[in-house]
Protein backbone atom coordinates (compact mmCIF):
# COMPACT_ATOMS: atom_id res chain seq x y z
CA UNK A 1 -13.46 -1.47 -10.83
CA UNK A 2 -11.15 0.24 -13.31
CA UNK A 3 -9.56 3.18 -11.60
CA UNK A 4 -8.14 6.23 -13.26
CA UNK A 5 -4.53 7.24 -12.81
CA UNK A 6 -3.39 9.60 -10.12
CA UNK A 7 -5.45 8.39 -7.19
CA UNK A 8 -4.40 8.74 -3.58
CA UNK A 9 -4.30 5.29 -1.98
CA UNK A 10 -3.96 4.91 1.79
CA UNK A 11 -2.31 1.65 2.82
CA UNK A 12 -2.18 0.13 6.29
CA UNK A 13 1.05 -1.49 7.49
CA UNK A 14 0.46 -4.24 10.08
CA UNK A 15 -1.58 -7.08 8.63
CA UNK A 16 -1.63 -5.45 5.20
CA UNK A 17 1.90 -4.78 3.92
CA UNK A 18 3.35 -7.20 6.47
CA UNK A 19 1.87 -10.01 8.54
CA UNK A 20 0.62 -8.63 11.85
CA UNK A 21 3.37 -8.89 14.47
CA UNK A 22 2.89 -5.54 16.18
CA UNK A 23 4.91 -4.13 17.92
CA UNK A 24 7.47 -6.01 15.83
CA UNK A 25 7.56 -6.03 12.04
CA UNK A 26 6.12 -9.17 10.52
CA UNK A 27 7.10 -10.89 7.30
CA UNK A 28 6.19 -9.14 4.06
CA UNK A 29 2.81 -10.24 2.71
CA UNK A 30 3.26 -12.02 -0.61
CA UNK A 31 3.71 -9.51 -3.47
CA UNK A 32 3.00 -6.47 -1.26
CA UNK A 33 6.04 -4.44 -2.31
CA UNK A 34 5.87 -5.51 -5.95
CA UNK A 35 2.24 -4.35 -6.09
CA UNK A 36 2.93 -1.08 -4.28
CA UNK A 37 5.81 -0.33 -6.68
CA UNK A 38 3.57 -1.07 -9.64
CA UNK A 39 0.83 1.22 -8.29
CA UNK A 40 3.38 4.02 -7.91
CA UNK A 41 4.65 3.37 -11.43
CA UNK A 42 1.04 3.60 -12.64
CA UNK A 43 0.92 7.16 -11.24
CA UNK A 44 -0.85 6.68 -7.90
CA UNK A 45 0.25 8.40 -4.70
CA UNK A 46 0.57 6.12 -1.70
CA UNK A 47 0.01 7.17 1.89
CA UNK A 48 1.14 4.97 4.76
CA UNK A 49 -1.88 4.98 7.07
CA UNK A 50 -1.17 3.13 10.29
CA UNK A 51 -1.80 3.06 14.02
CA UNK A 52 1.97 3.15 14.55
CA UNK A 53 3.60 6.31 15.87
CA UNK A 54 6.97 7.43 17.20
CA UNK A 55 9.82 4.91 16.98
CA UNK A 56 7.54 2.08 15.78
CA UNK A 57 6.32 4.28 12.91
CA UNK A 58 9.90 5.21 12.01
CA UNK A 59 10.75 1.48 11.90
CA UNK A 60 7.84 0.77 9.53
CA UNK A 61 8.77 3.66 7.23
CA UNK A 62 12.41 2.51 7.17
CA UNK A 63 11.34 -1.09 6.44
CA UNK A 64 9.26 0.07 3.48
CA UNK A 65 12.07 2.29 2.20
CA UNK A 66 14.50 -0.64 2.42
CA UNK A 67 12.03 -2.58 0.27
CA UNK A 68 11.79 0.19 -2.34
CA UNK A 69 8.69 2.11 -1.24
CA UNK A 70 8.73 5.75 -0.21
CA UNK A 71 5.33 7.14 0.60
CA UNK A 72 3.81 10.41 -0.57
CA UNK A 73 2.75 11.04 3.03
CA UNK A 74 2.70 9.17 6.35
CA UNK A 75 -0.38 9.29 8.59
CA UNK A 76 -1.43 12.54 6.93
CA UNK A 77 -3.27 13.63 3.81
CA UNK A 78 -0.22 15.37 2.34
CA UNK A 79 3.45 15.76 3.36
CA UNK A 80 3.19 19.35 4.61
CA UNK A 81 0.09 18.81 6.73
CA UNK A 82 0.38 20.23 10.25
CA UNK A 83 -0.92 17.68 12.73
CA UNK A 84 -3.02 18.90 15.61
CA UNK A 85 -3.22 16.59 18.62
CA UNK A 86 -6.93 17.16 19.34
CA UNK A 87 -8.10 16.56 15.75
CA UNK A 88 -9.03 13.20 14.27
CA UNK A 89 -6.33 11.38 12.29
CA UNK A 90 -8.79 10.66 9.49
CA UNK A 91 -7.07 11.36 6.20
CA UNK A 92 -8.22 12.12 2.68
CA UNK A 93 -7.68 9.32 0.18
CA UNK A 94 -9.54 7.91 -2.80
CA UNK A 95 -9.02 4.30 -1.68
CA UNK A 96 -8.02 2.56 1.54
CA UNK A 97 -6.29 -0.84 1.62
CA UNK A 98 -6.50 -2.38 5.09
CA UNK A 99 -6.67 -5.87 6.57
CA UNK A 100 -9.65 -4.72 8.66
CA UNK A 101 -11.90 -4.42 5.59
CA UNK A 102 -15.08 -6.46 5.62
CA UNK A 103 -13.87 -9.82 4.41
CA UNK A 104 -10.24 -9.08 5.36
CA UNK A 105 -7.30 -8.35 3.12
CA UNK A 106 -7.31 -9.81 -0.36
CA UNK A 107 -4.07 -11.06 -1.84
CA UNK A 108 -1.97 -8.27 -3.39
CA UNK A 109 -2.33 -9.79 -6.86
CA UNK A 110 -6.11 -9.68 -6.53
CA UNK A 111 -5.95 -6.09 -5.25
CA UNK A 112 -3.95 -5.03 -8.31
CA UNK A 113 -6.28 -6.86 -10.69
CA UNK A 114 -9.32 -5.21 -9.05
CA UNK A 115 -7.80 -1.76 -9.36
CA UNK A 116 -6.68 -2.09 -12.96
CA UNK A 117 -8.89 -4.75 -14.57
CA UNK A 118 -5.64 -5.93 -16.13
CA UNK A 119 -6.35 -9.04 -18.12
CA UNK A 120 -3.59 -11.58 -18.72
CA UNK A 121 -2.12 -11.53 -22.21
CA UNK A 122 -0.13 -14.75 -22.71
CA UNK A 123 1.65 -13.46 -25.84
CA UNK A 124 2.67 -10.16 -24.23
CA UNK A 125 3.61 -11.75 -20.91
CA UNK A 126 5.44 -14.75 -22.38
CA UNK A 127 8.90 -13.41 -21.53
CA UNK A 128 7.97 -11.81 -18.20
CA UNK A 129 8.77 -13.53 -14.96
CA UNK A 130 7.41 -13.14 -11.46
CA UNK A 131 4.21 -11.74 -10.04
CA UNK A 132 3.00 -9.63 -12.95
CA UNK A 133 3.02 -12.54 -15.35
CA UNK A 134 -0.63 -13.53 -14.89
């Protein structure tokens, strides 16, 4: 799957960005924030799409911001969307990343590779360190 730039990607929080510890905030899943930052740098808009609401949602948003991720929208299709209480919370996105997928959540490195078909280049990546040195 080689995706084009500029997609809207909805990302779950509990069990996806962090280990599931609801109502608390679990430990970051390995490479979650690095991958999300890279997706944003690649030109994709990220939506935080979670069951959380109220204070627990504010805590998740703050946690992500502290780790360098600010979302295009939170639990809505776009920032200015007016929420109506008696309407489904289903949002518009091109892709959804959620631990409740069939087969569960893949590792964040595998998610990025699936979305970009990025193939390791040992010469190019020789001096790089960390996650994106495949």
